[in-house]
Protein backbone atom coordinates (compact mmCIF):
# COMPACT_ATOMS: atom_id res chain seq x y z
CA MET A 1 -19.27 3.64 6.36
CA SER A 2 -20.21 2.77 2.83
CA LYS A 3 -17.44 2.34 0.15
CA SER A 4 -17.22 5.32 -2.21
CA ILE A 5 -18.46 5.29 -5.67
CA TYR A 6 -16.97 6.10 -8.88
CA VAL A 7 -18.86 6.58 -11.94
CA ILE A 8 -17.20 5.85 -15.25
CA THR A 9 -18.86 7.26 -18.18
CA GLY A 10 -17.29 5.01 -21.22
CA SER A 11 -17.19 2.16 -19.00
CA LEU A 12 -17.29 -0.51 -22.21
CA GLY A 13 -14.63 1.24 -23.96
CA PHE A 14 -10.72 0.18 -23.32
CA VAL A 15 -9.58 2.67 -20.65
CA GLY A 16 -13.07 2.58 -19.18
CA PHE A 17 -13.13 -1.07 -19.05
CA ASN A 18 -10.01 -1.40 -17.14
CA LEU A 19 -10.57 1.46 -15.15
CA SER A 20 -13.31 -0.04 -13.60
CA LYS A 21 -11.36 -3.49 -13.00
CA PHE A 22 -8.86 -0.82 -11.40
CA ILE A 23 -10.91 0.79 -8.95
CA ILE A 24 -12.87 -2.33 -7.95
CA ASP A 25 -9.25 -4.02 -7.14
CA SER A 26 -8.73 -1.10 -5.31
CA GLY A 27 -11.73 -1.66 -2.71
CA HIS A 28 -13.94 0.80 -4.10
CA SER A 29 -17.56 0.73 -6.15
CA ALA A 30 -18.05 1.62 -9.85
CA ILE A 31 -20.90 2.26 -12.02
CA GLY A 32 -20.38 2.75 -15.86
CA ILE A 33 -22.43 4.77 -18.33
CA ASP A 34 -22.22 3.51 -22.06
CA ILE A 35 -23.95 2.28 -24.80
CA ASP A 36 -24.03 -0.74 -26.86
CA ASN A 37 -21.12 -0.19 -29.65
CA ASN A 38 -21.65 -2.95 -32.26
CA SER A 39 -18.98 -1.67 -33.81
CA ASP A 40 -16.67 -2.84 -31.39
CA PRO A 41 -16.55 -6.54 -31.11
CA LEU A 42 -14.90 -6.71 -27.61
CA ASN A 43 -17.83 -4.50 -26.07
CA GLY A 44 -20.29 -7.25 -25.29
CA TRP A 45 -17.03 -9.42 -23.78
CA ARG A 46 -16.16 -6.47 -21.74
CA HIS A 47 -19.57 -6.23 -20.32
CA LYS A 48 -20.02 -9.45 -19.18
CA GLU A 49 -16.44 -9.55 -17.69
CA LEU A 50 -17.43 -5.86 -15.64
CA GLN A 51 -20.91 -7.96 -14.45
CA GLY A 52 -19.00 -10.53 -13.00
CA ILE A 53 -17.21 -8.28 -10.43
CA GLY A 54 -20.17 -5.89 -9.50
CA VAL A 55 -20.04 -3.39 -11.62
CA GLU A 56 -23.49 -2.17 -13.09
CA THR A 57 -23.57 -0.34 -16.15
CA LEU A 58 -26.32 2.50 -16.92
CA LYS A 59 -27.00 2.54 -20.32
CA ALA A 60 -27.10 6.04 -21.80
CA ASP A 61 -25.97 8.15 -24.37
CA ILE A 62 -23.90 11.09 -23.53
CA SER A 63 -24.78 13.32 -26.30
CA ASP A 64 -28.40 12.94 -25.52
CA LYS A 65 -29.29 15.35 -22.26
CA TYR A 66 -32.20 14.06 -21.57
CA GLN A 67 -30.48 9.96 -20.84
CA ILE A 68 -28.03 11.90 -18.72
CA GLU A 69 -30.40 13.55 -16.88
CA SER A 70 -31.99 10.44 -15.74
CA VAL A 71 -28.86 8.84 -15.23
CA GLY A 72 -28.23 11.96 -12.74
CA ASN A 73 -31.60 10.99 -11.13
CA LYS A 74 -30.53 7.46 -10.44
CA LEU A 75 -26.94 8.58 -9.36
CA SER A 76 -28.41 10.97 -6.66
CA LYS A 77 -30.38 8.52 -5.12
CA ILE A 78 -27.52 5.99 -4.95
CA GLY A 79 -25.35 9.26 -3.41
CA ASN A 80 -22.00 9.15 -2.33
CA VAL A 81 -20.42 9.51 -5.87
CA LYS A 82 -16.69 10.61 -4.98
CA SER A 83 -15.49 10.95 -8.81
CA ILE A 84 -16.57 10.91 -12.29
CA PHE A 85 -14.46 9.61 -15.08
CA HIS A 86 -15.56 10.82 -18.06
CA LEU A 87 -13.80 8.23 -20.99
CA ALA A 88 -16.59 8.00 -23.19
CA GLY A 89 -16.67 9.49 -26.49
CA LEU A 90 -15.64 8.84 -30.20
CA ALA A 91 -12.04 7.93 -30.93
CA GLY A 92 -9.78 7.99 -34.10
CA VAL A 93 -8.51 10.14 -36.52
CA ARG A 94 -9.32 8.62 -39.87
CA LYS A 95 -13.07 7.90 -38.92
CA SER A 96 -13.34 11.37 -37.49
CA ILE A 97 -12.56 12.75 -41.49
CA ASP A 98 -15.84 10.87 -42.79
CA ASN A 99 -18.15 11.52 -40.12
CA PRO A 100 -17.31 15.19 -38.28
CA ASP A 101 -20.59 16.24 -37.22
CA GLN A 102 -20.90 13.18 -34.73
CA TYR A 103 -17.40 13.76 -33.73
CA TYR A 104 -18.23 17.14 -32.30
CA ASN A 105 -22.03 16.33 -31.23
CA VAL A 106 -20.53 12.97 -28.97
CA ASN A 107 -17.52 14.72 -27.72
CA LEU A 108 -18.38 18.16 -27.16
CA ARG A 109 -21.82 18.25 -26.55
CA GLY A 110 -21.52 14.92 -24.68
CA THR A 111 -18.79 16.71 -22.46
CA PHE A 112 -20.89 19.49 -21.77
CA ASN A 113 -23.85 17.03 -20.48
CA VAL A 114 -21.19 15.05 -18.09
CA LEU A 115 -20.42 18.16 -17.11
CA GLN A 116 -23.66 18.95 -15.99
CA LEU A 117 -24.03 15.30 -14.57
CA PHE A 118 -20.94 16.36 -12.49
CA GLU A 119 -22.52 19.23 -10.98
CA SER A 120 -26.10 17.90 -10.15
CA VAL A 121 -24.31 14.93 -8.42
CA GLY A 122 -22.13 16.91 -6.22
CA ALA A 123 -19.36 14.56 -6.81
CA GLU A 124 -15.86 16.08 -5.76
CA SER A 125 -14.10 15.75 -8.84
CA LEU A 126 -14.37 14.83 -12.84
CA VAL A 127 -11.68 13.48 -14.72
CA PHE A 128 -11.55 13.96 -18.87
CA SER A 129 -9.48 11.74 -20.94
CA SER A 130 -8.23 14.19 -23.82
CA THR A 131 -5.71 12.85 -26.47
CA SER A 132 -2.22 13.29 -27.51
CA SER A 133 -3.55 14.46 -30.92
CA VAL A 134 -4.33 17.69 -30.01
CA TYR A 135 -0.75 18.26 -30.27
CA GLY A 136 -0.46 17.73 -34.24
CA ASN A 137 2.54 17.08 -35.95
CA ILE A 138 5.42 17.77 -33.65
CA HIS A 139 9.17 18.32 -34.51
CA ALA A 140 11.60 15.30 -34.43
CA GLU A 141 13.19 14.85 -30.92
CA HIS A 142 10.83 17.11 -29.16
CA PHE A 143 8.26 16.27 -26.22
CA SER A 144 4.98 17.90 -26.51
CA LYS A 145 4.46 20.06 -23.05
CA GLU A 146 0.88 21.21 -22.12
CA THR A 147 2.03 24.42 -22.79
CA ASP A 148 2.71 23.97 -26.21
CA SER A 149 0.98 25.78 -29.32
CA LEU A 150 -1.61 23.18 -30.43
CA ASP A 151 -1.87 22.29 -34.33
CA THR A 152 -5.00 19.92 -34.67
CA ILE A 153 -5.33 18.48 -37.67
CA SER A 154 -8.45 16.32 -37.31
CA PRO A 155 -11.85 16.58 -36.18
CA TYR A 156 -11.35 14.13 -33.92
CA ALA A 157 -8.10 16.41 -32.40
CA SER A 158 -10.59 19.60 -32.72
CA SER A 159 -13.39 18.14 -30.89
CA LYS A 160 -11.22 17.14 -27.93
CA LEU A 161 -9.64 20.37 -27.62
CA SER A 162 -12.69 22.04 -27.44
CA ALA A 163 -14.34 19.43 -25.03
CA GLU A 164 -10.74 20.44 -23.05
CA LYS A 165 -11.41 23.87 -23.35
CA LEU A 166 -15.23 23.29 -22.17
CA CYS A 167 -13.80 21.54 -19.03
CA GLU A 168 -11.51 24.37 -18.06
CA LEU A 169 -14.60 26.90 -18.56
CA PHE A 170 -16.56 24.59 -16.15
CA SER A 171 -13.57 24.53 -13.44
CA ASN A 172 -12.78 28.45 -13.51
CA LEU A 173 -16.65 29.15 -13.63
CA TYR A 174 -17.98 26.96 -11.10
CA LYS A 175 -14.94 26.19 -9.08
CA LEU A 176 -14.82 22.36 -9.62
CA ASN A 177 -12.31 20.14 -9.34
CA ILE A 178 -11.61 18.83 -13.15
CA SER A 179 -8.50 17.44 -14.79
CA VAL A 180 -7.97 16.72 -18.35
CA LEU A 181 -5.82 13.87 -19.26
CA ARG A 182 -3.78 14.02 -22.60
CA TYR A 183 -3.33 10.10 -23.47
CA PHE A 184 0.01 8.78 -25.59
CA THR A 185 -1.13 5.80 -27.53
CA VAL A 186 -2.24 3.48 -25.05
CA TYR A 187 -2.31 -0.41 -25.66
CA GLY A 188 -2.89 -3.30 -23.64
CA ALA A 189 -5.55 -6.06 -22.61
CA ALA A 190 -9.26 -5.74 -23.93
CA GLY A 191 -7.63 -2.93 -26.37
CA ARG A 192 -9.63 -1.28 -29.15
CA PRO A 193 -9.50 -3.65 -32.23
CA ASP A 194 -8.97 -0.79 -34.83
CA MET A 195 -5.46 0.36 -32.78
CA SER A 196 -2.10 -0.97 -33.86
CA ILE A 197 -0.83 -3.05 -31.37
CA LEU A 198 -3.77 -5.40 -30.68
CA LYS A 199 -4.86 -5.64 -34.66
CA PHE A 200 -0.97 -6.34 -35.53
CA ILE A 201 -1.06 -9.18 -32.93
CA ASP A 202 -3.92 -10.80 -34.32
CA LEU A 203 -3.32 -10.41 -37.88
CA ILE A 204 0.19 -11.84 -37.19
CA TYR A 205 -0.98 -14.76 -34.99
CA LYS A 206 -3.43 -15.70 -37.84
CA ASN A 207 -0.70 -15.42 -40.26
CA LYS A 208 -2.38 -12.71 -42.09
CA PRO A 209 -0.89 -9.48 -43.55
CA ILE A 210 -0.63 -5.99 -41.40
CA THR A 211 -1.03 -2.71 -43.31
CA ILE A 212 1.88 -0.14 -42.02
CA PHE A 213 1.23 3.45 -43.67
CA GLY A 214 4.50 4.74 -44.34
CA ASP A 215 7.75 3.31 -43.86
CA GLY A 216 7.16 2.17 -40.16
CA ASN A 217 9.99 4.74 -38.73
CA GLN A 218 6.84 6.92 -37.51
CA GLU A 219 7.12 7.30 -33.60
CA ARG A 220 4.47 6.32 -31.00
CA ASP A 221 4.85 7.01 -27.41
CA PHE A 222 3.44 3.75 -26.68
CA THR A 223 1.46 3.56 -22.99
CA HIS A 224 0.60 0.54 -20.99
CA ILE A 225 -2.82 0.34 -19.85
CA SER A 226 -2.03 -0.27 -16.26
CA ASP A 227 0.07 2.78 -16.09
CA ILE A 228 -2.60 4.70 -17.87
CA CYS A 229 -5.23 3.30 -15.18
CA LYS A 230 -3.15 4.25 -12.22
CA GLY A 231 -2.73 7.99 -13.63
CA THR A 232 -5.80 8.35 -14.26
CA TYR A 233 -7.38 7.32 -10.81
CA ASP A 234 -4.84 9.59 -8.90
CA SER A 235 -5.55 12.64 -11.06
CA SER A 236 -9.05 12.60 -9.37
CA LYS A 237 -7.56 13.70 -5.96
CA LEU A 238 -6.48 16.85 -7.57
CA LYS A 239 -7.74 20.38 -6.68
CA GLY A 240 -9.16 23.36 -9.20
CA PHE A 241 -8.47 23.03 -13.33
CA ASN A 242 -4.98 20.28 -14.38
CA LEU A 243 -3.83 19.63 -17.74
CA ILE A 244 -1.52 16.61 -17.59
CA ASN A 245 0.19 14.17 -20.24
CA LEU A 246 0.25 10.61 -19.54
CA GLY A 247 2.96 9.20 -21.87
CA ARG A 248 5.66 6.91 -21.24
CA SER A 249 8.06 9.70 -22.34
CA ASN A 250 9.86 6.93 -24.61
CA PRO A 251 8.62 6.93 -28.34
CA GLU A 252 9.11 3.73 -30.09
CA LYS A 253 9.04 3.52 -33.98
CA LEU A 254 6.25 1.48 -35.21
CA ILE A 255 8.31 -1.11 -37.16
CA ASN A 256 10.17 -1.95 -34.08
CA ALA A 257 6.92 -2.91 -32.03
CA VAL A 258 6.00 -5.19 -34.63
CA ARG A 259 9.61 -6.96 -34.19
CA VAL A 260 8.52 -6.83 -30.44
CA ILE A 261 5.40 -8.70 -31.32
CA GLU A 262 7.18 -10.90 -33.64
CA GLU A 263 9.58 -12.18 -31.16
CA LYS A 264 6.27 -12.98 -28.75
CA LEU A 265 4.45 -14.84 -30.92
CA GLY A 266 7.35 -16.79 -32.40
CA LYS A 267 5.92 -15.55 -35.97
CA LYS A 268 7.14 -13.24 -39.07
CA ALA A 269 4.93 -10.44 -39.97
CA LYS A 270 4.13 -10.23 -43.40
CA ILE A 271 3.96 -6.38 -44.23
CA VAL A 272 2.14 -4.37 -46.60
CA TYR A 273 3.66 -0.76 -47.02
CA LYS A 274 0.99 1.65 -48.27
CA PRO A 275 1.41 5.44 -48.32
CA GLN A 276 0.85 7.44 -44.71
CA ASN A 277 -1.98 9.54 -44.65
CA GLU A 278 -1.44 13.10 -44.28
CA ILE A 279 -3.72 13.36 -40.97
CA ASP A 280 -1.31 10.90 -39.48
CA VAL A 281 1.26 12.66 -37.07
CA ASN A 282 4.95 11.41 -37.47
CA ARG A 283 5.78 11.41 -33.79
CA THR A 284 4.07 11.63 -30.32
CA SER A 285 6.09 11.89 -27.13
CA ALA A 286 5.00 13.33 -23.86
CA ASP A 287 6.77 15.69 -21.74
CA ILE A 288 5.60 14.30 -18.04
CA SER A 289 7.46 16.86 -16.01
CA ASN A 290 4.20 18.18 -14.74
CA SER A 291 2.35 14.96 -14.20
CA LYS A 292 5.76 13.88 -12.50
CA LYS A 293 4.97 16.90 -10.25
CA LEU A 294 1.31 16.61 -9.72
CA ILE A 295 0.59 12.98 -9.34
CA ASN A 296 4.04 11.43 -9.32
CA TRP A 297 3.49 10.02 -12.72
CA ASP A 298 6.03 7.01 -13.02
CA PRO A 299 5.25 4.78 -15.56
CA THR A 300 6.62 1.45 -15.35
CA GLU A 301 5.70 -0.91 -18.31
CA SER A 302 8.22 -0.91 -21.00
CA ILE A 303 7.27 -1.79 -24.68
CA GLU A 304 8.49 -5.18 -24.33
CA SER A 305 6.67 -6.35 -21.17
CA GLY A 306 3.41 -4.46 -21.99
CA ILE A 307 3.16 -6.00 -25.25
CA SER A 308 4.26 -9.40 -23.69
CA ASN A 309 1.16 -8.97 -21.38
CA THR A 310 -1.15 -8.01 -24.19
CA VAL A 311 -0.15 -10.97 -26.10
CA ASP A 312 -0.82 -13.46 -23.01
CA TRP A 313 -4.31 -11.72 -22.85
CA TYR A 314 -4.91 -12.21 -26.62
CA LYS A 315 -3.96 -16.02 -26.42
CA GLU A 316 -5.90 -16.35 -23.22
CA ASN A 317 -8.99 -14.79 -24.96
CA LYS A 318 -9.00 -15.37 -28.56
CA GLU A 319 -11.66 -17.48 -28.83
CA SER A 320 -13.83 -14.55 -27.83
CA LEU A 321 -12.06 -12.57 -30.25
CA GLU A 322 -12.60 -14.00 -33.64
CA LYS A 323 -14.90 -11.28 -34.66
CA LEU A 324 -11.59 -9.23 -34.79
CA GLY A 325 -10.30 -10.71 -38.25
């Protein structure tokens, strides 16, 4: 019997790359869909790594329906597609302010195209990666629950929330198994260079200053990529429409994460404080009671162990990461 094939859009991105490896390690086959992204210096590195473990990457821009239709034809000929993990999209709250039209085109139109791909290849389920940014600013000590009222304060968050609604519509209208996952501050090996943990590791290691917007007491529900991969994969087994938080449910102050990095590297950070951006939230924190119930979500990586693993990966691969600085 042939192996089940899992399709990952955004396979050359941070989560897509790690999920592809997770699926291969689990004994299944994976096919990626992505484009060359020159803005991410790790894109080429991830591509070579995936080639080395037998993951083919089909080149396609998800916002182009004709390119996605072409991918659908290829996948239909291969057959036996079990699930699609739709992780492709534009990320970054601040960047979305400068180019909102591109964010809506990729994150909303692209999701529409991938949903049609899902229908055309006859996969059993689709998992869509959303973001905790849809919750907006929350009160201190509050843990965001999927049923909370939402307050999107950036084009990025708004485009993701619109895509969530599109997924729910397709699921209800066409009786499809679709799970929407709201990720909380994911970090780890081969992470996005613009996100705080890897960026801080790189700069502190090189004795360069890091910039903290605000006083460093803003809290993030840092969630390690290994926990995210397991939760994402397990969500593909659910029936109907599901909306799930994936976070550690244990927020840490940003300055505390810096201290953990300092200890692991044995170096002191040179910190430059700047005013906090008005579109940056003060706290992210996941209520994970629903994910515990649906997929037995039990994140295991602490901030200490997760950062330790990330630093180890960075040191092993730093020669390949010179463009990060």
